[in-house]
Amino acid sequence: MAKKSWFRGGRREDVPLKQVVAVRYEMDRKVVGGLFLVVLGIVLITVVVGIIPLIFGVLLMWGSPTVSVVTAGGTATPVTGWPWQKSEAEAFVNAVHGQLFGE
């Protein structure tokens, strides 16, 4: 999936393994934005609306796994998943590394 994020589905893009030169795994956390939303959610918790920023604040602080596949042409294709998909992202990166570098 190319250019996938939390709310964007992305598109399927098949890249032959021969063209892949690197694959990278990163965790992206937004602590300040997450704390702001958590505090806002706590303040507004008496109103049902407060639960929405509270949930998004926790998700932002939890972090999102991002996997970038770099091809021989130099194009990097980032894919961002939900926080609970961290182990799947790490497994994918390890599998591709194993195929590329025989580890």
N, C-alpha and C. Protein backbone atom coordinates (compact mmCIF):
# COMPACT_ATOMS: atom_id res chain seq x y z
N MET A 1 0.84 -1.17 0.00
CA MET A 1 0.00 0.00 0.00
C MET A 1 0.89 1.24 0.00
N ALA A 2 0.74 2.05 -0.97
CA ALA A 2 1.52 3.28 -1.06
C ALA A 2 0.77 4.43 -0.42
N LYS A 3 1.47 5.22 0.34
CA LYS A 3 0.93 6.44 0.96
C LYS A 3 -0.30 6.16 1.82
N LYS A 4 -0.26 5.08 2.57
CA LYS A 4 -1.36 4.75 3.48
C LYS A 4 -1.13 5.46 4.80
N SER A 5 -2.20 5.98 5.37
CA SER A 5 -2.13 6.60 6.69
C SER A 5 -3.36 6.19 7.48
N TRP A 6 -3.59 6.83 8.63
CA TRP A 6 -4.71 6.46 9.47
C TRP A 6 -6.04 6.53 8.74
N PHE A 7 -6.26 7.58 7.98
CA PHE A 7 -7.57 7.80 7.36
C PHE A 7 -7.54 7.70 5.85
N ARG A 8 -6.41 7.40 5.28
CA ARG A 8 -6.29 7.23 3.83
C ARG A 8 -5.94 5.79 3.55
N GLY A 9 -6.67 5.17 2.68
CA GLY A 9 -6.46 3.76 2.39
C GLY A 9 -5.21 3.47 1.59
N GLY A 10 -4.73 4.43 0.83
CA GLY A 10 -3.56 4.19 -0.01
C GLY A 10 -3.94 3.42 -1.26
N ARG A 11 -2.93 3.03 -1.99
CA ARG A 11 -3.16 2.24 -3.20
C ARG A 11 -2.13 1.12 -3.25
N ARG A 12 -2.49 0.04 -3.86
CA ARG A 12 -1.59 -1.10 -3.96
C ARG A 12 -0.53 -0.80 -4.99
N GLU A 13 0.70 -1.08 -4.63
CA GLU A 13 1.82 -0.85 -5.54
C GLU A 13 2.78 -2.02 -5.40
N ASP A 14 2.91 -2.82 -6.46
CA ASP A 14 3.81 -3.97 -6.44
C ASP A 14 5.19 -3.53 -6.91
N VAL A 15 6.19 -3.80 -6.10
CA VAL A 15 7.58 -3.45 -6.43
C VAL A 15 8.37 -4.75 -6.40
N PRO A 16 9.03 -5.11 -7.52
CA PRO A 16 9.86 -6.32 -7.51
C PRO A 16 10.96 -6.19 -6.46
N LEU A 17 11.26 -7.29 -5.79
CA LEU A 17 12.26 -7.28 -4.73
C LEU A 17 13.63 -6.86 -5.26
N LYS A 18 13.89 -7.09 -6.54
CA LYS A 18 15.17 -6.69 -7.14
C LYS A 18 15.35 -5.18 -7.14
N GLN A 19 14.25 -4.44 -7.16
CA GLN A 19 14.32 -2.99 -7.20
C GLN A 19 14.37 -2.35 -5.82
N VAL A 20 14.14 -3.12 -4.77
CA VAL A 20 14.16 -2.58 -3.41
C VAL A 20 15.60 -2.53 -2.92
N VAL A 21 16.04 -1.34 -2.49
CA VAL A 21 17.41 -1.20 -1.99
C VAL A 21 17.43 -1.02 -0.47
N ALA A 22 16.35 -0.60 0.12
CA ALA A 22 16.30 -0.41 1.57
C ALA A 22 14.87 -0.41 2.05
N VAL A 23 14.71 -0.76 3.31
CA VAL A 23 13.41 -0.68 3.96
C VAL A 23 13.67 -0.18 5.38
N ARG A 24 12.86 0.76 5.81
CA ARG A 24 13.12 1.43 7.09
C ARG A 24 11.85 1.41 7.94
N TYR A 25 12.05 1.22 9.25
CA TYR A 25 10.94 1.23 10.21
C TYR A 25 11.15 2.38 11.17
N GLU A 26 10.10 3.16 11.41
CA GLU A 26 10.16 4.29 12.34
C GLU A 26 8.88 4.32 13.16
N MET A 27 8.99 4.88 14.37
CA MET A 27 7.81 5.15 15.19
C MET A 27 7.67 6.66 15.27
N ASP A 28 6.51 7.15 14.92
CA ASP A 28 6.25 8.59 14.93
C ASP A 28 5.31 8.91 16.08
N ARG A 29 5.85 9.64 17.08
CA ARG A 29 5.03 10.04 18.23
C ARG A 29 4.90 11.55 18.26
N LYS A 30 3.74 12.02 18.58
CA LYS A 30 3.48 13.45 18.71
C LYS A 30 3.03 13.71 20.14
N VAL A 31 4.02 13.85 21.04
CA VAL A 31 3.75 13.94 22.47
C VAL A 31 3.02 15.23 22.82
N VAL A 32 3.48 16.37 22.31
CA VAL A 32 2.87 17.65 22.66
C VAL A 32 1.42 17.70 22.19
N GLY A 33 1.19 17.33 20.94
CA GLY A 33 -0.18 17.32 20.43
C GLY A 33 -1.05 16.32 21.17
N GLY A 34 -0.46 15.17 21.50
CA GLY A 34 -1.20 14.16 22.24
C GLY A 34 -1.56 14.63 23.64
N LEU A 35 -0.60 15.25 24.33
CA LEU A 35 -0.89 15.77 25.68
C LEU A 35 -1.97 16.84 25.65
N PHE A 36 -1.89 17.72 24.65
CA PHE A 36 -2.91 18.76 24.51
C PHE A 36 -4.29 18.15 24.36
N LEU A 37 -4.40 17.15 23.49
CA LEU A 37 -5.71 16.52 23.27
C LEU A 37 -6.18 15.73 24.49
N VAL A 38 -5.25 15.11 25.21
CA VAL A 38 -5.63 14.39 26.43
C VAL A 38 -6.16 15.36 27.47
N VAL A 39 -5.44 16.48 27.68
CA VAL A 39 -5.91 17.48 28.65
C VAL A 39 -7.26 18.06 28.22
N LEU A 40 -7.39 18.37 26.93
CA LEU A 40 -8.66 18.87 26.42
C LEU A 40 -9.78 17.86 26.65
N GLY A 41 -9.47 16.59 26.41
CA GLY A 41 -10.46 15.55 26.63
C GLY A 41 -10.86 15.41 28.08
N ILE A 42 -9.88 15.56 28.99
CA ILE A 42 -10.19 15.47 30.42
C ILE A 42 -11.05 16.65 30.85
N VAL A 43 -10.72 17.85 30.33
CA VAL A 43 -11.51 19.04 30.67
C VAL A 43 -12.94 18.89 30.16
N LEU A 44 -13.09 18.34 28.97
CA LEU A 44 -14.41 18.23 28.36
C LEU A 44 -15.10 16.89 28.65
N ILE A 45 -14.54 16.09 29.56
CA ILE A 45 -15.08 14.76 29.78
C ILE A 45 -16.51 14.79 30.33
N THR A 46 -16.87 15.89 31.01
CA THR A 46 -18.25 15.98 31.51
C THR A 46 -19.24 16.04 30.36
N VAL A 47 -18.76 16.56 29.24
CA VAL A 47 -19.56 16.55 28.02
C VAL A 47 -19.08 15.34 27.23
N VAL A 48 -19.95 14.65 26.58
CA VAL A 48 -19.59 13.45 25.83
C VAL A 48 -18.54 13.76 24.76
N VAL A 49 -18.48 15.00 24.30
CA VAL A 49 -17.54 15.40 23.25
C VAL A 49 -16.09 15.22 23.71
N GLY A 50 -15.83 15.24 25.01
CA GLY A 50 -14.48 15.14 25.53
C GLY A 50 -13.80 13.82 25.26
N ILE A 51 -14.56 12.78 25.01
CA ILE A 51 -13.97 11.47 24.77
C ILE A 51 -13.22 11.42 23.44
N ILE A 52 -13.66 12.20 22.46
CA ILE A 52 -13.03 12.19 21.13
C ILE A 52 -11.60 12.71 21.18
N PRO A 53 -11.34 13.93 21.71
CA PRO A 53 -9.94 14.36 21.78
C PRO A 53 -9.10 13.50 22.72
N LEU A 54 -9.72 12.93 23.73
CA LEU A 54 -9.01 12.05 24.65
C LEU A 54 -8.48 10.82 23.92
N ILE A 55 -9.31 10.22 23.10
CA ILE A 55 -8.90 9.03 22.34
C ILE A 55 -7.80 9.38 21.34
N PHE A 56 -7.97 10.48 20.59
CA PHE A 56 -6.95 10.86 19.62
C PHE A 56 -5.64 11.25 20.30
N GLY A 57 -5.72 11.88 21.47
CA GLY A 57 -4.51 12.23 22.22
C GLY A 57 -3.73 11.00 22.63
N VAL A 58 -4.43 10.00 23.10
CA VAL A 58 -3.76 8.75 23.49
C VAL A 58 -3.13 8.09 22.27
N LEU A 59 -3.83 8.08 21.14
CA LEU A 59 -3.28 7.49 19.92
C LEU A 59 -2.03 8.23 19.44
N LEU A 60 -2.04 9.57 19.52
CA LEU A 60 -0.87 10.34 19.11
C LEU A 60 0.34 10.06 19.99
N MET A 61 0.11 9.93 21.29
CA MET A 61 1.23 9.66 22.19
C MET A 61 1.70 8.21 22.10
N TRP A 62 0.81 7.31 21.74
CA TRP A 62 1.16 5.91 21.60
C TRP A 62 2.15 5.74 20.45
N GLY A 63 1.95 6.44 19.36
CA GLY A 63 2.87 6.39 18.22
C GLY A 63 2.34 5.52 17.10
N SER A 64 2.72 5.86 15.88
CA SER A 64 2.29 5.12 14.70
C SER A 64 3.50 4.54 13.99
N PRO A 65 3.46 3.25 13.65
CA PRO A 65 4.58 2.68 12.91
C PRO A 65 4.55 3.13 11.45
N THR A 66 5.71 3.51 10.94
CA THR A 66 5.83 3.91 9.55
C THR A 66 6.92 3.06 8.90
N VAL A 67 6.59 2.43 7.79
CA VAL A 67 7.56 1.64 7.03
C VAL A 67 7.78 2.34 5.71
N SER A 68 9.05 2.59 5.37
CA SER A 68 9.40 3.21 4.10
C SER A 68 10.19 2.22 3.27
N VAL A 69 9.75 1.98 2.05
CA VAL A 69 10.45 1.10 1.12
C VAL A 69 11.11 2.00 0.08
N VAL A 70 12.44 1.88 -0.05
CA VAL A 70 13.19 2.70 -1.00
C VAL A 70 13.59 1.82 -2.18
N THR A 71 13.27 2.28 -3.39
CA THR A 71 13.59 1.52 -4.59
C THR A 71 14.89 2.00 -5.21
N ALA A 72 15.36 1.28 -6.23
CA ALA A 72 16.60 1.64 -6.92
C ALA A 72 16.48 3.00 -7.58
N GLY A 73 15.29 3.42 -7.93
CA GLY A 73 15.07 4.73 -8.54
C GLY A 73 15.13 5.87 -7.53
N GLY A 74 15.26 5.54 -6.26
CA GLY A 74 15.36 6.56 -5.23
C GLY A 74 14.03 7.01 -4.66
N THR A 75 12.95 6.39 -5.07
CA THR A 75 11.64 6.78 -4.54
C THR A 75 11.37 6.03 -3.24
N ALA A 76 10.95 6.76 -2.24
CA ALA A 76 10.59 6.16 -0.95
C ALA A 76 9.07 6.14 -0.83
N THR A 77 8.55 5.01 -0.47
CA THR A 77 7.11 4.85 -0.32
C THR A 77 6.79 4.61 1.15
N PRO A 78 6.29 5.64 1.85
CA PRO A 78 5.97 5.45 3.27
C PRO A 78 4.56 4.89 3.46
N VAL A 79 4.42 4.02 4.43
CA VAL A 79 3.13 3.46 4.81
C VAL A 79 3.00 3.59 6.32
N THR A 80 1.97 4.27 6.78
CA THR A 80 1.76 4.49 8.21
C THR A 80 0.58 3.66 8.68
N GLY A 81 0.78 2.96 9.78
CA GLY A 81 -0.28 2.11 10.32
C GLY A 81 -0.80 2.62 11.65
N TRP A 82 -1.77 1.91 12.18
CA TRP A 82 -2.31 2.23 13.50
C TRP A 82 -1.31 1.78 14.56
N PRO A 83 -1.36 2.35 15.74
CA PRO A 83 -0.38 2.02 16.78
C PRO A 83 -0.29 0.53 17.11
N TRP A 84 -1.38 -0.19 17.07
CA TRP A 84 -1.36 -1.61 17.42
C TRP A 84 -0.81 -2.49 16.30
N GLN A 85 -0.41 -1.90 15.17
CA GLN A 85 0.17 -2.67 14.07
C GLN A 85 1.70 -2.65 14.10
N LYS A 86 2.30 -2.26 15.23
CA LYS A 86 3.75 -2.15 15.35
C LYS A 86 4.45 -3.48 15.08
N SER A 87 3.98 -4.56 15.67
CA SER A 87 4.64 -5.86 15.50
C SER A 87 4.57 -6.33 14.05
N GLU A 88 3.47 -6.05 13.37
CA GLU A 88 3.35 -6.42 11.96
C GLU A 88 4.33 -5.62 11.10
N ALA A 89 4.51 -4.34 11.41
CA ALA A 89 5.45 -3.50 10.67
C ALA A 89 6.87 -3.99 10.88
N GLU A 90 7.23 -4.31 12.12
CA GLU A 90 8.57 -4.82 12.41
C GLU A 90 8.80 -6.15 11.71
N ALA A 91 7.81 -7.03 11.71
CA ALA A 91 7.94 -8.33 11.04
C ALA A 91 8.13 -8.15 9.54
N PHE A 92 7.41 -7.21 8.94
CA PHE A 92 7.55 -6.95 7.50
C PHE A 92 8.96 -6.46 7.19
N VAL A 93 9.46 -5.49 7.98
CA VAL A 93 10.81 -4.96 7.75
C VAL A 93 11.85 -6.05 7.92
N ASN A 94 11.72 -6.89 8.94
CA ASN A 94 12.67 -7.98 9.15
C ASN A 94 12.64 -8.99 8.02
N ALA A 95 11.45 -9.29 7.50
CA ALA A 95 11.33 -10.23 6.38
C ALA A 95 11.99 -9.68 5.12
N VAL A 96 11.76 -8.40 4.83
CA VAL A 96 12.37 -7.80 3.64
C VAL A 96 13.88 -7.71 3.81
N HIS A 97 14.35 -7.32 5.00
CA HIS A 97 15.80 -7.28 5.26
C HIS A 97 16.41 -8.66 5.05
N GLY A 98 15.73 -9.69 5.54
CA GLY A 98 16.23 -11.05 5.37
C GLY A 98 16.35 -11.44 3.91
N GLN A 99 15.37 -11.05 3.09
CA GLN A 99 15.42 -11.35 1.66
C GLN A 99 16.48 -10.54 0.94
N LEU A 100 16.64 -9.28 1.33
CA LEU A 100 17.61 -8.41 0.65
C LEU A 100 19.04 -8.74 1.01
N PHE A 101 19.30 -8.95 2.28
CA PHE A 101 20.67 -9.07 2.76
C PHE A 101 21.00 -10.46 3.27
N GLY A 102 20.09 -11.40 3.15
CA GLY A 102 20.34 -12.78 3.55
C GLY A 102 20.63 -12.96 5.03
N GLU A 103 19.99 -12.16 5.86
CA GLU A 103 20.22 -12.23 7.31
C GLU A 103 19.33 -13.25 7.95
